[in-house]
C-alpha atoms as a PDB file:
ATOM      1  CA  MET A   1     121.300  53.636 117.661  1.00  0.00           C
ATOM      2  CA  PHE A   2     123.180  53.142 114.454  1.00  0.00           C
ATOM      3  CA  ALA A   3     121.347  54.024 111.309  1.00  0.00           C
ATOM      4  CA  SER A   4     121.666  50.493 109.961  1.00  0.00           C
ATOM      5  CA  GLU A   5     119.852  49.236 112.987  1.00  0.00           C
ATOM      6  CA  THR A   6     117.065  51.938 112.918  1.00  0.00           C
ATOM      7  CA  ARG A   7     116.431  53.233 109.513  1.00  0.00           C
ATOM      8  CA  THR A   8     118.630  53.467 106.376  1.00  0.00           C
ATOM      9  CA  TRP A   9     117.281  57.033 105.271  1.00  0.00           C
ATOM     10  CA  TRP A  10     120.784  58.437 105.070  1.00  0.00           C
ATOM     11  CA  THR A  11     122.388  55.878 102.862  1.00  0.00           C
ATOM     12  CA  GLY A  12     124.899  56.980 100.217  1.00  0.00           C
ATOM     13  CA  ARG A  13     125.822  60.170 102.041  1.00  0.00           C
ATOM     14  CA  GLU A  14     129.358  60.718 103.041  1.00  0.00           C
ATOM     15  CA  ALA A  15     130.642  62.361 106.054  1.00  0.00           C
ATOM     16  CA  ARG A  16     131.932  65.912 105.847  1.00  0.00           C
ATOM     17  CA  PRO A  17     135.762  66.145 105.716  1.00  0.00           C
ATOM     18  CA  SER A  18     135.543  68.093 109.074  1.00  0.00           C
ATOM     19  CA  ASP A  19     133.612  65.206 110.738  1.00  0.00           C
ATOM     20  CA  ARG A  20     136.171  62.673 109.301  1.00  0.00           C
ATOM     21  CA  ARG A  21     139.257  64.635 110.656  1.00  0.00           C
ATOM     22  CA  LYS A  22     137.589  64.898 114.052  1.00  0.00           C
ATOM     23  CA  TRP A  23     136.911  61.144 114.131  1.00  0.00           C
ATOM     24  CA  VAL A  24     140.513  60.527 113.104  1.00  0.00           C
ATOM     25  CA  LYS A  25     141.706  62.760 115.828  1.00  0.00           C
ATOM     26  CA  VAL A  26     139.505  60.995 118.434  1.00  0.00           C
ATOM     27  CA  PHE A  27     140.658  57.579 117.237  1.00  0.00           C
ATOM     28  CA  GLU A  28     144.226  58.435 117.668  1.00  0.00           C
ATOM     29  CA  ALA A  29     143.617  59.968 121.125  1.00  0.00           C
ATOM     30  CA  CYS A  30     141.805  56.815 122.162  1.00  0.00           C
ATOM     31  CA  ASP A  31     144.386  54.446 120.667  1.00  0.00           C
ATOM     32  CA  GLU A  32     146.966  55.560 123.302  1.00  0.00           C
ATOM     33  CA  ASP A  33     149.309  52.560 122.757  1.00  0.00           C
ATOM     34  CA  LYS A  34     149.238  53.071 118.992  1.00  0.00           C
ATOM     35  CA  LYS A  35     148.013  49.526 118.341  1.00  0.00           C
ATOM     36  CA  GLY A  36     146.121  50.662 115.340  1.00  0.00           C
ATOM     37  CA  TYR A  37     142.724  49.606 116.718  1.00  0.00           C
ATOM     38  CA  LEU A  38     140.397  50.614 119.436  1.00  0.00           C
ATOM     39  CA  SER A  39     139.481  48.078 122.162  1.00  0.00           C
ATOM     40  CA  ARG A  40     135.981  47.971 123.602  1.00  0.00           C
ATOM     41  CA  GLU A  41     136.876  50.416 126.307  1.00  0.00           C
ATOM     42  CA  ASP A  42     138.691  52.603 123.775  1.00  0.00           C
ATOM     43  CA  PHE A  43     135.537  52.600 121.713  1.00  0.00           C
ATOM     44  CA  LYS A  44     133.474  53.713 124.726  1.00  0.00           C
ATOM     45  CA  VAL A  45     135.790  56.581 125.483  1.00  0.00           C
ATOM     46  CA  ALA A  46     135.668  57.651 121.824  1.00  0.00           C
ATOM     47  CA  VAL A  47     131.924  57.660 121.839  1.00  0.00           C
ATOM     48  CA  VAL A  48     131.819  59.787 125.015  1.00  0.00           C
ATOM     49  CA  MET A  49     134.230  62.330 123.369  1.00  0.00           C
ATOM     50  CA  LEU A  50     132.103  62.536 120.231  1.00  0.00           C
ATOM     51  CA  PHE A  51     128.517  62.183 121.377  1.00  0.00           C
ATOM     52  CA  GLY A  52     128.700  62.936 125.057  1.00  0.00           C
ATOM     53  CA  TYR A  53     127.358  59.724 126.568  1.00  0.00           C
ATOM     54  CA  LYS A  54     128.713  56.333 127.432  1.00  0.00           C
ATOM     55  CA  PRO A  55     127.519  53.482 125.217  1.00  0.00           C
ATOM     56  CA  THR A  56     125.426  50.832 127.014  1.00  0.00           C
ATOM     57  CA  LYS A  57     126.836  47.242 127.283  1.00  0.00           C
ATOM     58  CA  ILE A  58     124.394  46.211 124.612  1.00  0.00           C
ATOM     59  CA  GLU A  59     125.630  48.901 122.177  1.00  0.00           C
ATOM     60  CA  ALA A  60     129.221  48.034 122.796  1.00  0.00           C
ATOM     61  CA  ASP A  61     128.511  44.308 122.467  1.00  0.00           C
ATOM     62  CA  SER A  62     126.566  45.029 119.167  1.00  0.00           C
ATOM     63  CA  VAL A  63     129.522  47.041 117.825  1.00  0.00           C
ATOM     64  CA  MET A  64     132.189  44.528 118.844  1.00  0.00           C
ATOM     65  CA  THR A  65     130.340  41.676 117.316  1.00  0.00           C
ATOM     66  CA  SER A  66     129.604  43.487 114.054  1.00  0.00           C
ATOM     67  CA  ILE A  67     133.418  43.922 113.301  1.00  0.00           C
ATOM     68  CA  ASN A  68     135.653  41.376 111.742  1.00  0.00           C
ATOM     69  CA  SER A  69     135.905  38.545 114.216  1.00  0.00           C
ATOM     70  CA  ASN A  70     139.599  38.039 113.358  1.00  0.00           C
ATOM     71  CA  ALA A  71     140.355  41.499 114.333  1.00  0.00           C
ATOM     72  CA  SER A  72     141.582  42.538 117.792  1.00  0.00           C
ATOM     73  CA  GLY A  73     139.436  45.664 117.847  1.00  0.00           C
ATOM     74  CA  ILE A  74     138.000  48.413 115.756  1.00  0.00           C
ATOM     75  CA  CYS A  75     140.369  49.716 113.032  1.00  0.00           C
ATOM     76  CA  LEU A  76     140.265  53.400 111.965  1.00  0.00           C
ATOM     77  CA  GLU A  77     138.282  52.777 108.661  1.00  0.00           C
ATOM     78  CA  GLU A  78     135.720  50.663 110.562  1.00  0.00           C
ATOM     79  CA  PHE A  79     135.457  53.210 113.402  1.00  0.00           C
ATOM     80  CA  ILE A  80     134.836  55.891 110.705  1.00  0.00           C
ATOM     81  CA  LYS A  81     132.000  53.816 109.139  1.00  0.00           C
ATOM     82  CA  LEU A  82     130.453  53.293 112.515  1.00  0.00           C
ATOM     83  CA  MET A  83     130.705  56.989 113.311  1.00  0.00           C
ATOM     84  CA  GLU A  84     129.008  57.850 110.051  1.00  0.00           C
ATOM     85  CA  LYS A  85     126.126  55.583 110.934  1.00  0.00           C
ATOM     86  CA  LYS A  86     125.997  56.925 114.412  1.00  0.00           C
ATOM     87  CA  LYS A  87     125.915  60.538 113.226  1.00  0.00           C
ATOM     88  CA  ALA A  88     123.137  59.679 110.702  1.00  0.00           C
ATOM     89  CA  ALA A  89     121.046  58.112 113.503  1.00  0.00           C
ATOM     90  CA  GLN A  90     121.528  61.145 115.637  1.00  0.00           C
ATOM     91  CA  LEU A  91     120.498  63.480 112.812  1.00  0.00           C
ATOM     92  CA  HIS A  92     117.530  61.340 112.128  1.00  0.00           C
ATOM     93  CA  GLN A  93     116.447  61.494 115.939  1.00  0.00           C
ATOM     94  CA  ASN A  94     116.975  65.282 115.851  1.00  0.00           C
ATOM     95  CA  GLU A  95     114.720  65.607 112.884  1.00  0.00           C
ATOM     96  CA  ILE A  96     112.049  63.389 114.594  1.00  0.00           C
ATOM     97  CA  ARG A  97     112.235  65.461 117.800  1.00  0.00           C
ATOM     98  CA  GLN A  98     111.785  68.762 115.807  1.00  0.00           C
ATOM     99  CA  ILE A  99     108.672  67.300 114.181  1.00  0.00           C
ATOM    100  CA  PHE A 100     107.309  65.995 117.328  1.00  0.00           C
ATOM    101  CA  THR A 101     107.833  69.335 119.150  1.00  0.00           C
ATOM    102  CA  ALA A 102     105.998  71.184 116.306  1.00  0.00           C
ATOM    103  CA  PHE A 103     102.923  68.927 116.870  1.00  0.00           C
ATOM    104  CA  ASP A 104     103.163  69.027 120.726  1.00  0.00           C
ATOM    105  CA  ARG A 105     101.889  72.612 120.969  1.00  0.00           C
ATOM    106  CA  GLN A 106     101.054  72.433 124.671  1.00  0.00           C
ATOM    107  CA  TYR A 107     104.505  70.974 125.455  1.00  0.00           C
ATOM    108  CA  ARG A 108     103.187  68.091 127.411  1.00  0.00           C
ATOM    109  CA  GLY A 109     105.627  65.604 125.958  1.00  0.00           C
ATOM    110  CA  PHE A 110     102.971  63.571 124.309  1.00  0.00           C
ATOM    111  CA  LEU A 111     100.328  63.725 121.629  1.00  0.00           C
ATOM    112  CA  THR A 112      96.683  62.649 121.906  1.00  0.00           C
ATOM    113  CA  LEU A 113      94.838  61.361 119.075  1.00  0.00           C
ATOM    114  CA  GLU A 114      93.090  64.871 118.903  1.00  0.00           C
ATOM    115  CA  ASP A 115      96.483  66.609 118.742  1.00  0.00           C
ATOM    116  CA  PHE A 116      97.537  64.316 115.949  1.00  0.00           C
ATOM    117  CA  LYS A 117      94.255  65.019 113.914  1.00  0.00           C
ATOM    118  CA  LYS A 118      94.602  68.844 114.387  1.00  0.00           C
ATOM    119  CA  ALA A 119      98.263  68.672 113.151  1.00  0.00           C
ATOM    120  CA  PHE A 120      97.403  66.698 110.026  1.00  0.00           C
ATOM    121  CA  LYS A 121      94.429  68.922 109.405  1.00  0.00           C
ATOM    122  CA  GLN A 122      96.932  71.837 109.169  1.00  0.00           C
ATOM    123  CA  VAL A 123      99.632  70.093 107.121  1.00  0.00           C
ATOM    124  CA  ALA A 124      97.428  67.799 104.963  1.00  0.00           C
ATOM    125  CA  PRO A 125      93.777  68.936 105.171  1.00  0.00           C
ATOM    126  CA  LYS A 126      92.601  66.521 102.422  1.00  0.00           C
ATOM    127  CA  LEU A 127      93.699  63.380 104.141  1.00  0.00           C
ATOM    128  CA  SER A 128      90.776  61.284 105.392  1.00  0.00           C
ATOM    129  CA  GLU A 129      90.310  60.636 109.081  1.00  0.00           C
ATOM    130  CA  ARG A 130      90.982  56.998 108.597  1.00  0.00           C
ATOM    131  CA  ILE A 131      94.347  57.607 107.098  1.00  0.00           C
ATOM    132  CA  VAL A 132      95.310  59.909 109.971  1.00  0.00           C
ATOM    133  CA  LEU A 133      94.132  57.381 112.516  1.00  0.00           C
ATOM    134  CA  GLU A 134      96.299  54.762 110.727  1.00  0.00           C
ATOM    135  CA  ALA A 135      99.214  57.176 110.874  1.00  0.00           C
ATOM    136  CA  PHE A 136      98.800  57.664 114.493  1.00  0.00           C
ATOM    137  CA  ARG A 137      98.719  53.981 115.172  1.00  0.00           C
ATOM    138  CA  CYS A 138     101.855  53.468 113.032  1.00  0.00           C
ATOM    139  CA  SER A 139     103.507  56.095 115.026  1.00  0.00           C
ATOM    140  CA  ILE A 140     102.985  54.206 118.202  1.00  0.00           C
ATOM    141  CA  CYS A 141     104.126  50.964 116.579  1.00  0.00           C
ATOM    142  CA  ASP A 142     107.323  52.660 115.273  1.00  0.00           C
ATOM    143  CA  CYS A 143     108.162  53.952 118.774  1.00  0.00           C
ATOM    144  CA  LEU A 144     107.623  50.468 120.208  1.00  0.00           C
ATOM    145  CA  ASP A 145     110.155  49.031 117.485  1.00  0.00           C
ATOM    146  CA  TRP A 146     112.570  51.774 118.691  1.00  0.00           C
ATOM    147  CA  SER A 147     112.109  50.991 122.362  1.00  0.00           C
ATOM    148  CA  TYR A 148     115.291  48.946 122.226  1.00  0.00           C
ATOM    149  CA  TRP A 149     117.120  52.293 122.462  1.00  0.00           C
ATOM    150  CA  TRP A 150     114.488  54.675 123.889  1.00  0.00           C
ATOM    151  CA  HIS A 151     112.491  54.645 126.934  1.00  0.00           C
ATOM    152  CA  ILE A 152     108.839  54.899 125.779  1.00  0.00           C
ATOM    153  CA  HIS A 153     105.742  55.892 127.914  1.00  0.00           C
ATOM    154  CA  LEU A 154     102.309  55.346 126.449  1.00  0.00           C
ATOM    155  CA  ILE A 155      99.920  57.022 128.805  1.00  0.00           C
ATOM    156  CA  THR A 156      96.690  55.781 127.253  1.00  0.00           C
ATOM    157  CA  LYS A 157      95.879  53.970 123.993  1.00  0.00           C
ATOM    158  CA  ASP A 158      94.971  57.354 122.439  1.00  0.00           C
ATOM    159  CA  THR A 159      98.260  59.106 123.473  1.00  0.00           C
ATOM    160  CA  PHE A 160     101.635  59.007 121.638  1.00  0.00           C
ATOM    161  CA  CYS A 161     104.630  59.948 123.858  1.00  0.00           C
ATOM    162  CA  TRP A 162     107.899  61.433 122.903  1.00  0.00           C
ATOM    163  CA  PRO A 163     110.608  58.979 123.590  1.00  0.00           C
ATOM    164  CA  GLN A 164     113.133  59.990 126.266  1.00  0.00           C
ATOM    165  CA  PHE A 165     116.693  60.412 125.192  1.00  0.00           C
ATOM    166  CA  PRO A 166     118.904  60.663 128.281  1.00  0.00           C
ATOM    167  CA  HIS A 167     121.996  61.167 126.271  1.00  0.00           C
ATOM    168  CA  LEU A 168     120.877  63.801 123.752  1.00  0.00           C
END
């Protein structure tokens, strides 16, 4: 669920000072023994405090293997970098959810090919049907790539379903 693992659309953008202060406070609160780093369990608690869900074993493993192998845990600066990526991924997911909701006018939780065509006819009326069909197919492929984090349901070959986010 980190931006570097999903899409890098948010690159170059720094966290707001208020976010940074919050992350420092959470880091300090989770580093109860004042060791200067967060262990795997400390990291999980920090994510719960900041994002409201407990990271999966896979996510925690991914984070722990991505840090300096000589380190005992995640130092403050590394933690801040990780939280920047995590927030970027969360913002990206929220943006996707808003776009999907705008297309899902019947609030079914999925888009049929016909729904997709109607949406594109409104926002890009000059696009050919072939391009719209390709965009629909690419949407399904993108979701399958993201299924590492999201639970995807494809009802039929002509249906694109909204990924379920149990922790958002």
